[in-house]
């Protein structure tokens, strides 16, 4: 056996030995999407704490954490959580590392609840782990310097390039959101909590089969009827939408119809009356929509 063959053999044995089962009761191994293959433009979010292994214990612990640290739908006591309870949060995050053996047989609503819970925990974990390390040298201590887009390396795309071990594979926030989109479509773009002002709410309790659609629908209602300013006196009449949503619409021309339909379906006529009928947002005049969609400046301030 020549030297090259020996080196290849040794590398193969190291890689194979590193792929161990996470839990004897779970079906998946560590993914071959190992940090070795992730490249220098991606970061794995580490978490130190004991992994919760029981679904019931996980639900109870997550509900307790939300009860203790949630201020309202857009605010969390991040400073207290970062300083006092990181291990508790990590136990919740680490529970998500492996995929239950029966996951594929779950109902779509159950899968949806699990994926949204996963997204929210990843987002909370991202902010907490970087809470005290993200202020720029020479700049004052301000909440906006702790927003997800200012955490870690400024050259990284946080939603795409920060990775967690989720269900046996390394996944980004964007990749988890893709799983949510498969189950609920474009409206998840409006409803997910992203840790910053101008986004969807953080639920009071962990989501389940019974309350996941209520959470999505309430988030949609608040966004459409409380967060958007409708000006029927401008020319053309315009709906001013929080600019944060624009980040999740790579091409407005492709997704505008989906967004307009969401606005039309969720507009509360008892609130808007004669000022605006939801169907007006879908009308066209001379090939152009009667109402224009404008995005307000993005507010990246951390919701704290």
C-alpha atoms as a PDB file:
ATOM      1  CA  UNK A   1       0.000   0.000   0.000  1.00  0.00           C
ATOM      2  CA  UNK A   2       1.546   3.318  -1.088  1.00  0.00           C
ATOM      3  CA  UNK A   3       1.643   6.484   1.038  1.00  0.00           C
ATOM      4  CA  UNK A   4      -1.286   8.084  -0.805  1.00  0.00           C
ATOM      5  CA  UNK A   5      -3.480   5.032  -0.149  1.00  0.00           C
ATOM      6  CA  UNK A   6      -2.540   5.042   3.533  1.00  0.00           C
ATOM      7  CA  UNK A   7      -3.476   8.740   3.906  1.00  0.00           C
ATOM      8  CA  UNK A   8      -6.828   8.192   2.177  1.00  0.00           C
ATOM      9  CA  UNK A   9      -7.508   5.189   4.423  1.00  0.00           C
ATOM     10  CA  UNK A  10      -6.743   7.171   7.605  1.00  0.00           C
ATOM     11  CA  UNK A  11      -8.973  10.096   6.554  1.00  0.00           C
ATOM     12  CA  UNK A  12     -11.803   7.685   5.732  1.00  0.00           C
ATOM     13  CA  UNK A  13     -11.581   6.012   9.141  1.00  0.00           C
ATOM     14  CA  UNK A  14     -11.648   9.406  10.925  1.00  0.00           C
ATOM     15  CA  UNK A  15     -14.706  10.550   9.014  1.00  0.00           C
ATOM     16  CA  UNK A  16     -16.580   7.295   9.524  1.00  0.00           C
ATOM     17  CA  UNK A  17     -15.808   7.196  13.243  1.00  0.00           C
ATOM     18  CA  UNK A  18     -17.146  10.751  13.668  1.00  0.00           C
ATOM     19  CA  UNK A  19     -20.595   9.823  12.362  1.00  0.00           C
ATOM     20  CA  UNK A  20     -22.143   8.451  15.514  1.00  0.00           C
ATOM     21  CA  UNK A  21     -25.750   8.091  16.583  1.00  0.00           C
ATOM     22  CA  UNK A  22     -27.051  11.029  18.570  1.00  0.00           C
ATOM     23  CA  UNK A  23     -29.619   8.966  20.453  1.00  0.00           C
ATOM     24  CA  UNK A  24     -30.471   5.271  20.339  1.00  0.00           C
ATOM     25  CA  UNK A  25     -34.186   6.110  20.193  1.00  0.00           C
ATOM     26  CA  UNK A  26     -33.819   8.403  17.199  1.00  0.00           C
ATOM     27  CA  UNK A  27     -33.466   7.442  13.572  1.00  0.00           C
ATOM     28  CA  UNK A  28     -30.879   9.880  12.220  1.00  0.00           C
ATOM     29  CA  UNK A  29     -27.105  10.099  12.513  1.00  0.00           C
ATOM     30  CA  UNK A  30     -24.955  13.182  12.398  1.00  0.00           C
ATOM     31  CA  UNK A  31     -25.180  14.519   8.873  1.00  0.00           C
ATOM     32  CA  UNK A  32     -22.276  14.204   6.493  1.00  0.00           C
ATOM     33  CA  UNK A  33     -22.700  17.986   6.148  1.00  0.00           C
ATOM     34  CA  UNK A  34     -19.904  18.108   8.690  1.00  0.00           C
ATOM     35  CA  UNK A  35     -18.228  21.416   9.654  1.00  0.00           C
ATOM     36  CA  UNK A  36     -15.249  20.111   7.671  1.00  0.00           C
ATOM     37  CA  UNK A  37     -17.303  20.538   4.497  1.00  0.00           C
ATOM     38  CA  UNK A  38     -19.171  23.711   5.371  1.00  0.00           C
ATOM     39  CA  UNK A  39     -16.425  26.068   4.248  1.00  0.00           C
ATOM     40  CA  UNK A  40     -15.043  29.217   5.776  1.00  0.00           C
ATOM     41  CA  UNK A  41     -18.118  31.331   4.959  1.00  0.00           C
ATOM     42  CA  UNK A  42     -20.390  29.548   7.402  1.00  0.00           C
ATOM     43  CA  UNK A  43     -20.536  29.531  11.193  1.00  0.00           C
ATOM     44  CA  UNK A  44     -21.872  26.865  13.507  1.00  0.00           C
ATOM     45  CA  UNK A  45     -23.779  28.289  16.467  1.00  0.00           C
ATOM     46  CA  UNK A  46     -22.578  26.490  19.577  1.00  0.00           C
ATOM     47  CA  UNK A  47     -24.650  25.949  22.675  1.00  0.00           C
ATOM     48  CA  UNK A  48     -23.475  24.692  26.068  1.00  0.00           C
ATOM     49  CA  UNK A  49     -25.981  22.855  28.211  1.00  0.00           C
ATOM     50  CA  UNK A  50     -27.610  19.501  28.908  1.00  0.00           C
ATOM     51  CA  UNK A  51     -29.907  18.333  26.150  1.00  0.00           C
ATOM     52  CA  UNK A  52     -33.563  17.853  27.069  1.00  0.00           C
ATOM     53  CA  UNK A  53     -34.601  14.409  25.835  1.00  0.00           C
ATOM     54  CA  UNK A  54     -38.340  14.301  26.588  1.00  0.00           C
ATOM     55  CA  UNK A  55     -40.935  16.022  24.391  1.00  0.00           C
ATOM     56  CA  UNK A  56     -43.131  16.765  27.412  1.00  0.00           C
ATOM     57  CA  UNK A  57     -40.210  18.186  29.367  1.00  0.00           C
ATOM     58  CA  UNK A  58     -39.216  20.276  26.350  1.00  0.00           C
ATOM     59  CA  UNK A  59     -42.733  21.743  26.000  1.00  0.00           C
ATOM     60  CA  UNK A  60     -42.935  22.534  29.709  1.00  0.00           C
ATOM     61  CA  UNK A  61     -39.485  24.135  29.729  1.00  0.00           C
ATOM     62  CA  UNK A  62     -40.114  26.234  26.613  1.00  0.00           C
ATOM     63  CA  UNK A  63     -43.441  27.452  27.986  1.00  0.00           C
ATOM     64  CA  UNK A  64     -41.699  28.363  31.243  1.00  0.00           C
ATOM     65  CA  UNK A  65     -38.931  30.247  29.459  1.00  0.00           C
ATOM     66  CA  UNK A  66     -41.465  32.272  27.456  1.00  0.00           C
ATOM     67  CA  UNK A  67     -43.414  33.001  30.626  1.00  0.00           C
ATOM     68  CA  UNK A  68     -40.287  34.193  32.431  1.00  0.00           C
ATOM     69  CA  UNK A  69     -38.659  36.280  29.681  1.00  0.00           C
ATOM     70  CA  UNK A  70     -41.298  37.295  27.134  1.00  0.00           C
ATOM     71  CA  UNK A  71     -42.361  40.927  27.584  1.00  0.00           C
ATOM     72  CA  UNK A  72     -44.849  41.031  24.728  1.00  0.00           C
ATOM     73  CA  UNK A  73     -45.144  39.784  21.156  1.00  0.00           C
ATOM     74  CA  UNK A  74     -42.142  41.758  19.938  1.00  0.00           C
ATOM     75  CA  UNK A  75     -39.960  41.957  23.030  1.00  0.00           C
ATOM     76  CA  UNK A  76     -37.944  39.518  25.094  1.00  0.00           C
ATOM     77  CA  UNK A  77     -35.755  40.119  28.154  1.00  0.00           C
ATOM     78  CA  UNK A  78     -32.619  39.249  26.200  1.00  0.00           C
ATOM     79  CA  UNK A  79     -30.166  40.765  28.654  1.00  0.00           C
ATOM     80  CA  UNK A  80     -31.531  38.774  31.596  1.00  0.00           C
ATOM     81  CA  UNK A  81     -31.703  35.587  29.545  1.00  0.00           C
ATOM     82  CA  UNK A  82     -28.167  36.047  28.242  1.00  0.00           C
ATOM     83  CA  UNK A  83     -26.739  36.669  31.697  1.00  0.00           C
ATOM     84  CA  UNK A  84     -28.763  34.253  33.823  1.00  0.00           C
ATOM     85  CA  UNK A  85     -30.276  31.375  31.861  1.00  0.00           C
ATOM     86  CA  UNK A  86     -28.202  30.395  28.832  1.00  0.00           C
ATOM     87  CA  UNK A  87     -27.940  26.741  29.835  1.00  0.00           C
ATOM     88  CA  UNK A  88     -31.721  26.509  30.111  1.00  0.00           C
ATOM     89  CA  UNK A  89     -32.110  27.886  26.604  1.00  0.00           C
ATOM     90  CA  UNK A  90     -29.393  25.570  25.311  1.00  0.00           C
ATOM     91  CA  UNK A  91     -31.194  22.522  26.656  1.00  0.00           C
ATOM     92  CA  UNK A  92     -34.186  23.531  24.514  1.00  0.00           C
ATOM     93  CA  UNK A  93     -32.052  24.160  21.426  1.00  0.00           C
ATOM     94  CA  UNK A  94     -30.132  20.908  21.763  1.00  0.00           C
ATOM     95  CA  UNK A  95     -33.385  18.938  21.964  1.00  0.00           C
ATOM     96  CA  UNK A  96     -33.872  19.873  18.303  1.00  0.00           C
ATOM     97  CA  UNK A  97     -30.623  18.212  17.222  1.00  0.00           C
ATOM     98  CA  UNK A  98     -32.248  14.904  16.368  1.00  0.00           C
ATOM     99  CA  UNK A  99     -35.324  13.972  14.395  1.00  0.00           C
ATOM    100  CA  UNK A 100     -37.960  11.804  16.115  1.00  0.00           C
ATOM    101  CA  UNK A 101     -38.228   8.406  14.461  1.00  0.00           C
ATOM    102  CA  UNK A 102     -41.944   8.948  13.903  1.00  0.00           C
ATOM    103  CA  UNK A 103     -41.614  12.493  12.488  1.00  0.00           C
ATOM    104  CA  UNK A 104     -42.551  11.566   8.906  1.00  0.00           C
ATOM    105  CA  UNK A 105     -45.903  10.217  10.127  1.00  0.00           C
ATOM    106  CA  UNK A 106     -46.798  13.429  11.979  1.00  0.00           C
ATOM    107  CA  UNK A 107     -49.667  15.549  10.682  1.00  0.00           C
ATOM    108  CA  UNK A 108     -48.760  18.633   8.663  1.00  0.00           C
ATOM    109  CA  UNK A 109     -49.972  20.846  11.519  1.00  0.00           C
ATOM    110  CA  UNK A 110     -47.723  19.027  13.972  1.00  0.00           C
ATOM    111  CA  UNK A 111     -44.737  19.368  11.630  1.00  0.00           C
ATOM    112  CA  UNK A 112     -45.543  23.040  11.120  1.00  0.00           C
ATOM    113  CA  UNK A 113     -45.634  23.701  14.865  1.00  0.00           C
ATOM    114  CA  UNK A 114     -42.306  21.924  15.350  1.00  0.00           C
ATOM    115  CA  UNK A 115     -40.576  23.811  12.531  1.00  0.00           C
ATOM    116  CA  UNK A 116     -41.832  27.221  13.742  1.00  0.00           C
ATOM    117  CA  UNK A 117     -40.794  26.432  17.328  1.00  0.00           C
ATOM    118  CA  UNK A 118     -37.402  25.469  15.918  1.00  0.00           C
ATOM    119  CA  UNK A 119     -37.084  28.738  14.016  1.00  0.00           C
ATOM    120  CA  UNK A 120     -37.998  30.807  17.063  1.00  0.00           C
ATOM    121  CA  UNK A 121     -35.548  28.978  19.326  1.00  0.00           C
ATOM    122  CA  UNK A 122     -32.746  29.367  16.768  1.00  0.00           C
ATOM    123  CA  UNK A 123     -33.450  33.089  16.548  1.00  0.00           C
ATOM    124  CA  UNK A 124     -33.517  33.532  20.340  1.00  0.00           C
ATOM    125  CA  UNK A 125     -30.345  31.453  20.676  1.00  0.00           C
ATOM    126  CA  UNK A 126     -28.577  33.500  17.994  1.00  0.00           C
ATOM    127  CA  UNK A 127     -29.240  36.767  19.802  1.00  0.00           C
ATOM    128  CA  UNK A 128     -28.488  35.428  23.285  1.00  0.00           C
ATOM    129  CA  UNK A 129     -25.189  33.774  22.299  1.00  0.00           C
ATOM    130  CA  UNK A 130     -23.975  36.964  20.653  1.00  0.00           C
ATOM    131  CA  UNK A 131     -25.589  39.447  23.015  1.00  0.00           C
ATOM    132  CA  UNK A 132     -22.462  40.758  24.726  1.00  0.00           C
ATOM    133  CA  UNK A 133     -20.043  40.281  21.821  1.00  0.00           C
ATOM    134  CA  UNK A 134     -21.541  42.276  18.963  1.00  0.00           C
ATOM    135  CA  UNK A 135     -21.107  45.941  19.831  1.00  0.00           C
ATOM    136  CA  UNK A 136     -18.785  47.720  17.431  1.00  0.00           C
ATOM    137  CA  UNK A 137     -15.580  49.147  18.949  1.00  0.00           C
ATOM    138  CA  UNK A 138     -15.819  52.857  19.542  1.00  0.00           C
ATOM    139  CA  UNK A 139     -19.602  52.976  19.220  1.00  0.00           C
ATOM    140  CA  UNK A 140     -22.053  53.474  22.093  1.00  0.00           C
ATOM    141  CA  UNK A 141     -24.007  50.602  23.598  1.00  0.00           C
ATOM    142  CA  UNK A 142     -27.218  50.605  21.555  1.00  0.00           C
ATOM    143  CA  UNK A 143     -29.778  47.846  20.982  1.00  0.00           C
ATOM    144  CA  UNK A 144     -29.469  48.066  17.191  1.00  0.00           C
ATOM    145  CA  UNK A 145     -25.856  46.890  17.432  1.00  0.00           C
ATOM    146  CA  UNK A 146     -27.220  43.621  18.824  1.00  0.00           C
ATOM    147  CA  UNK A 147     -29.691  42.954  16.031  1.00  0.00           C
ATOM    148  CA  UNK A 148     -29.274  39.607  14.217  1.00  0.00           C
ATOM    149  CA  UNK A 149     -27.753  41.343  11.215  1.00  0.00           C
ATOM    150  CA  UNK A 150     -24.960  42.768  13.359  1.00  0.00           C
ATOM    151  CA  UNK A 151     -24.050  39.563  15.177  1.00  0.00           C
ATOM    152  CA  UNK A 152     -20.687  38.024  14.416  1.00  0.00           C
ATOM    153  CA  UNK A 153     -18.786  38.649  11.197  1.00  0.00           C
ATOM    154  CA  UNK A 154     -20.216  41.608   9.279  1.00  0.00           C
ATOM    155  CA  UNK A 155     -19.434  39.831   6.004  1.00  0.00           C
ATOM    156  CA  UNK A 156     -21.761  36.924   6.753  1.00  0.00           C
ATOM    157  CA  UNK A 157     -25.419  36.633   5.836  1.00  0.00           C
ATOM    158  CA  UNK A 158     -26.830  35.666   9.225  1.00  0.00           C
ATOM    159  CA  UNK A 159     -30.041  34.021   8.023  1.00  0.00           C
ATOM    160  CA  UNK A 160     -28.261  31.943   5.386  1.00  0.00           C
ATOM    161  CA  UNK A 161     -24.824  31.213   6.799  1.00  0.00           C
ATOM    162  CA  UNK A 162     -25.198  30.655  10.542  1.00  0.00           C
ATOM    163  CA  UNK A 163     -25.875  26.940  11.090  1.00  0.00           C
ATOM    164  CA  UNK A 164     -27.362  24.849  13.901  1.00  0.00           C
ATOM    165  CA  UNK A 165     -27.545  21.076  14.176  1.00  0.00           C
ATOM    166  CA  UNK A 166     -31.245  20.492  13.507  1.00  0.00           C
ATOM    167  CA  UNK A 167     -32.730  17.041  12.941  1.00  0.00           C
ATOM    168  CA  UNK A 168     -29.297  15.559  12.311  1.00  0.00           C
ATOM    169  CA  UNK A 169     -28.179  18.073   9.684  1.00  0.00           C
ATOM    170  CA  UNK A 170     -26.627  21.501   9.855  1.00  0.00           C
ATOM    171  CA  UNK A 171     -29.346  24.005   8.915  1.00  0.00           C
ATOM    172  CA  UNK A 172     -29.613  27.782   8.683  1.00  0.00           C
ATOM    173  CA  UNK A 173     -32.605  29.923   9.586  1.00  0.00           C
ATOM    174  CA  UNK A 174     -33.369  30.201   5.867  1.00  0.00           C
ATOM    175  CA  UNK A 175     -33.354  26.416   5.482  1.00  0.00           C
ATOM    176  CA  UNK A 176     -35.731  25.942   8.405  1.00  0.00           C
ATOM    177  CA  UNK A 177     -37.979  28.621   6.933  1.00  0.00           C
ATOM    178  CA  UNK A 178     -38.038  26.669   3.657  1.00  0.00           C
ATOM    179  CA  UNK A 179     -39.568  23.739   5.553  1.00  0.00           C
ATOM    180  CA  UNK A 180     -42.190  26.088   7.021  1.00  0.00           C
ATOM    181  CA  UNK A 181     -42.970  27.512   3.579  1.00  0.00           C
ATOM    182  CA  UNK A 182     -43.623  24.018   2.235  1.00  0.00           C
ATOM    183  CA  UNK A 183     -46.393  23.601   4.800  1.00  0.00           C
ATOM    184  CA  UNK A 184     -47.971  27.046   4.965  1.00  0.00           C
ATOM    185  CA  UNK A 185     -46.772  29.056   1.976  1.00  0.00           C
ATOM    186  CA  UNK A 186     -45.880  32.693   1.686  1.00  0.00           C
ATOM    187  CA  UNK A 187     -47.802  33.891   4.744  1.00  0.00           C
ATOM    188  CA  UNK A 188     -45.053  32.556   7.000  1.00  0.00           C
ATOM    189  CA  UNK A 189     -42.921  35.441   5.703  1.00  0.00           C
ATOM    190  CA  UNK A 190     -45.293  37.807   7.471  1.00  0.00           C
ATOM    191  CA  UNK A 191     -45.793  35.887  10.702  1.00  0.00           C
ATOM    192  CA  UNK A 192     -42.445  34.529  11.919  1.00  0.00           C
ATOM    193  CA  UNK A 193     -40.710  36.124  14.896  1.00  0.00           C
ATOM    194  CA  UNK A 194     -37.308  37.457  13.857  1.00  0.00           C
ATOM    195  CA  UNK A 195     -36.209  39.153  17.062  1.00  0.00           C
ATOM    196  CA  UNK A 196     -36.545  42.669  15.699  1.00  0.00           C
ATOM    197  CA  UNK A 197     -39.083  45.440  15.480  1.00  0.00           C
ATOM    198  CA  UNK A 198     -41.348  45.243  12.440  1.00  0.00           C
ATOM    199  CA  UNK A 199     -41.659  41.462  12.287  1.00  0.00           C
ATOM    200  CA  UNK A 200     -44.133  38.854  13.493  1.00  0.00           C
ATOM    201  CA  UNK A 201     -44.807  38.204  17.211  1.00  0.00           C
ATOM    202  CA  UNK A 202     -43.264  35.763  19.642  1.00  0.00           C
ATOM    203  CA  UNK A 203     -45.980  33.383  20.919  1.00  0.00           C
ATOM    204  CA  UNK A 204     -46.939  33.245  24.578  1.00  0.00           C
ATOM    205  CA  UNK A 205     -46.435  29.465  24.599  1.00  0.00           C
ATOM    206  CA  UNK A 206     -44.736  26.905  22.387  1.00  0.00           C
ATOM    207  CA  UNK A 207     -46.786  26.130  19.315  1.00  0.00           C
ATOM    208  CA  UNK A 208     -48.763  22.906  18.998  1.00  0.00           C
ATOM    209  CA  UNK A 209     -51.085  21.296  16.488  1.00  0.00           C
ATOM    210  CA  UNK A 210     -53.990  23.061  18.172  1.00  0.00           C
ATOM    211  CA  UNK A 211     -52.677  26.632  18.208  1.00  0.00           C
ATOM    212  CA  UNK A 212     -50.188  26.963  15.338  1.00  0.00           C
ATOM    213  CA  UNK A 213     -52.684  28.339  12.813  1.00  0.00           C
ATOM    214  CA  UNK A 214     -54.159  30.680  15.408  1.00  0.00           C
ATOM    215  CA  UNK A 215     -50.644  32.056  15.915  1.00  0.00           C
ATOM    216  CA  UNK A 216     -50.132  32.552  12.179  1.00  0.00           C
ATOM    217  CA  UNK A 217     -53.532  34.119  11.670  1.00  0.00           C
ATOM    218  CA  UNK A 218     -53.181  36.507  14.612  1.00  0.00           C
ATOM    219  CA  UNK A 219     -49.765  37.560  13.342  1.00  0.00           C
ATOM    220  CA  UNK A 220     -51.220  38.209   9.909  1.00  0.00           C
ATOM    221  CA  UNK A 221     -54.090  40.213  11.351  1.00  0.00           C
ATOM    222  CA  UNK A 222     -51.808  42.471  13.384  1.00  0.00           C
ATOM    223  CA  UNK A 223     -49.454  43.017  10.463  1.00  0.00           C
ATOM    224  CA  UNK A 224     -52.209  43.803   7.960  1.00  0.00           C
ATOM    225  CA  UNK A 225     -54.425  45.923  10.216  1.00  0.00           C
ATOM    226  CA  UNK A 226     -52.037  47.453  12.746  1.00  0.00           C
ATOM    227  CA  UNK A 227     -48.550  47.611  11.221  1.00  0.00           C
ATOM    228  CA  UNK A 228     -49.439  48.861   7.735  1.00  0.00           C
ATOM    229  CA  UNK A 229     -50.419  52.437   6.945  1.00  0.00           C
ATOM    230  CA  UNK A 230     -52.976  52.803   4.148  1.00  0.00           C
ATOM    231  CA  UNK A 231     -53.118  56.200   2.437  1.00  0.00           C
ATOM    232  CA  UNK A 232     -56.057  56.515   0.066  1.00  0.00           C
ATOM    233  CA  UNK A 233     -55.433  60.254  -0.428  1.00  0.00           C
ATOM    234  CA  UNK A 234     -52.039  59.810  -2.080  1.00  0.00           C
ATOM    235  CA  UNK A 235     -51.779  59.409  -5.834  1.00  0.00           C
ATOM    236  CA  UNK A 236     -51.735  56.556  -6.472  1.00  0.00           C
ATOM    237  CA  UNK A 237     -53.183  55.320  -3.152  1.00  0.00           C
ATOM    238  CA  UNK A 238     -50.465  53.473  -1.272  1.00  0.00           C
ATOM    239  CA  UNK A 239     -50.017  50.851   1.410  1.00  0.00           C
ATOM    240  CA  UNK A 240     -46.879  51.522   3.458  1.00  0.00           C
ATOM    241  CA  UNK A 241     -45.534  48.189   4.729  1.00  0.00           C
ATOM    242  CA  UNK A 242     -42.706  47.641   7.274  1.00  0.00           C
ATOM    243  CA  UNK A 243     -39.562  47.465   5.180  1.00  0.00           C
ATOM    244  CA  UNK A 244     -38.359  44.328   6.941  1.00  0.00           C
ATOM    245  CA  UNK A 245     -40.721  42.226   4.856  1.00  0.00           C
ATOM    246  CA  UNK A 246     -39.001  43.365   1.661  1.00  0.00           C
ATOM    247  CA  UNK A 247     -35.922  41.377   2.661  1.00  0.00           C
ATOM    248  CA  UNK A 248     -37.892  38.176   2.242  1.00  0.00           C
ATOM    249  CA  UNK A 249     -39.102  39.055  -1.232  1.00  0.00           C
ATOM    250  CA  UNK A 250     -36.112  38.674  -3.532  1.00  0.00           C
ATOM    251  CA  UNK A 251     -38.190  39.824  -6.471  1.00  0.00           C
ATOM    252  CA  UNK A 252     -41.270  41.885  -5.628  1.00  0.00           C
ATOM    253  CA  UNK A 253     -42.723  41.435  -9.106  1.00  0.00           C
ATOM    254  CA  UNK A 254     -42.775  37.664  -8.584  1.00  0.00           C
ATOM    255  CA  UNK A 255     -44.245  37.686  -5.069  1.00  0.00           C
ATOM    256  CA  UNK A 256     -46.353  40.820  -5.110  1.00  0.00           C
ATOM    257  CA  UNK A 257     -49.547  38.968  -6.031  1.00  0.00           C
ATOM    258  CA  UNK A 258     -49.088  36.625  -3.052  1.00  0.00           C
ATOM    259  CA  UNK A 259     -48.500  39.562  -0.744  1.00  0.00           C
ATOM    260  CA  UNK A 260     -51.511  41.482  -2.069  1.00  0.00           C
ATOM    261  CA  UNK A 261     -53.754  38.462  -1.632  1.00  0.00           C
ATOM    262  CA  UNK A 262     -52.639  38.130   1.985  1.00  0.00           C
ATOM    263  CA  UNK A 263     -53.430  41.797   2.591  1.00  0.00           C
ATOM    264  CA  UNK A 264     -56.815  41.514   0.876  1.00  0.00           C
ATOM    265  CA  UNK A 265     -57.820  38.328   2.713  1.00  0.00           C
ATOM    266  CA  UNK A 266     -56.842  39.645   6.151  1.00  0.00           C
ATOM    267  CA  UNK A 267     -58.014  43.252   5.935  1.00  0.00           C
ATOM    268  CA  UNK A 268     -60.659  43.873   8.582  1.00  0.00           C
ATOM    269  CA  UNK A 269     -63.501  45.794   6.938  1.00  0.00           C
ATOM    270  CA  UNK A 270     -64.982  46.648  10.320  1.00  0.00           C
ATOM    271  CA  UNK A 271     -61.766  48.593  10.965  1.00  0.00           C
ATOM    272  CA  UNK A 272     -61.255  50.199   7.581  1.00  0.00           C
ATOM    273  CA  UNK A 273     -64.845  50.612   6.394  1.00  0.00           C
ATOM    274  CA  UNK A 274     -65.135  52.854   3.359  1.00  0.00           C
ATOM    275  CA  UNK A 275     -61.468  53.861   3.508  1.00  0.00           C
ATOM    276  CA  UNK A 276     -60.323  50.617   1.960  1.00  0.00           C
ATOM    277  CA  UNK A 277     -61.951  47.460   0.683  1.00  0.00           C
ATOM    278  CA  UNK A 278     -59.601  44.494   0.587  1.00  0.00           C
ATOM    279  CA  UNK A 279     -60.498  43.786  -3.027  1.00  0.00           C
ATOM    280  CA  UNK A 280     -59.175  47.250  -3.968  1.00  0.00           C
ATOM    281  CA  UNK A 281     -55.647  45.945  -3.431  1.00  0.00           C
ATOM    282  CA  UNK A 282     -56.186  43.420  -6.230  1.00  0.00           C
ATOM    283  CA  UNK A 283     -57.672  45.812  -8.785  1.00  0.00           C
ATOM    284  CA  UNK A 284     -55.730  47.028 -11.788  1.00  0.00           C
ATOM    285  CA  UNK A 285     -56.086  50.158 -13.885  1.00  0.00           C
ATOM    286  CA  UNK A 286     -54.371  50.396 -17.269  1.00  0.00           C
ATOM    287  CA  UNK A 287     -52.371  47.265 -16.494  1.00  0.00           C
ATOM    288  CA  UNK A 288     -51.104  48.571 -13.145  1.00  0.00           C
ATOM    289  CA  UNK A 289     -52.393  47.859  -9.658  1.00  0.00           C
ATOM    290  CA  UNK A 290     -54.674  50.622  -8.422  1.00  0.00           C
ATOM    291  CA  UNK A 291     -52.928  50.626  -5.031  1.00  0.00           C
ATOM    292  CA  UNK A 292     -49.153  50.907  -4.789  1.00  0.00           C
ATOM    293  CA  UNK A 293     -47.073  48.978  -2.245  1.00  0.00           C
ATOM    294  CA  UNK A 294     -44.292  50.954  -0.585  1.00  0.00           C
ATOM    295  CA  UNK A 295     -41.869  49.602   1.996  1.00  0.00           C
ATOM    296  CA  UNK A 296     -40.993  51.775   4.974  1.00  0.00           C
ATOM    297  CA  UNK A 297     -37.330  51.859   6.031  1.00  0.00           C
ATOM    298  CA  UNK A 298     -36.178  48.698   7.774  1.00  0.00           C
ATOM    299  CA  UNK A 299     -35.960  48.912  11.553  1.00  0.00           C
ATOM    300  CA  UNK A 300     -33.207  46.542  12.647  1.00  0.00           C
ATOM    301  CA  UNK A 301     -33.449  47.533  16.283  1.00  0.00           C
ATOM    302  CA  UNK A 302     -33.428  44.526  18.537  1.00  0.00           C
ATOM    303  CA  UNK A 303     -36.812  43.974  20.116  1.00  0.00           C
ATOM    304  CA  UNK A 304     -35.861  44.414  23.762  1.00  0.00           C
END
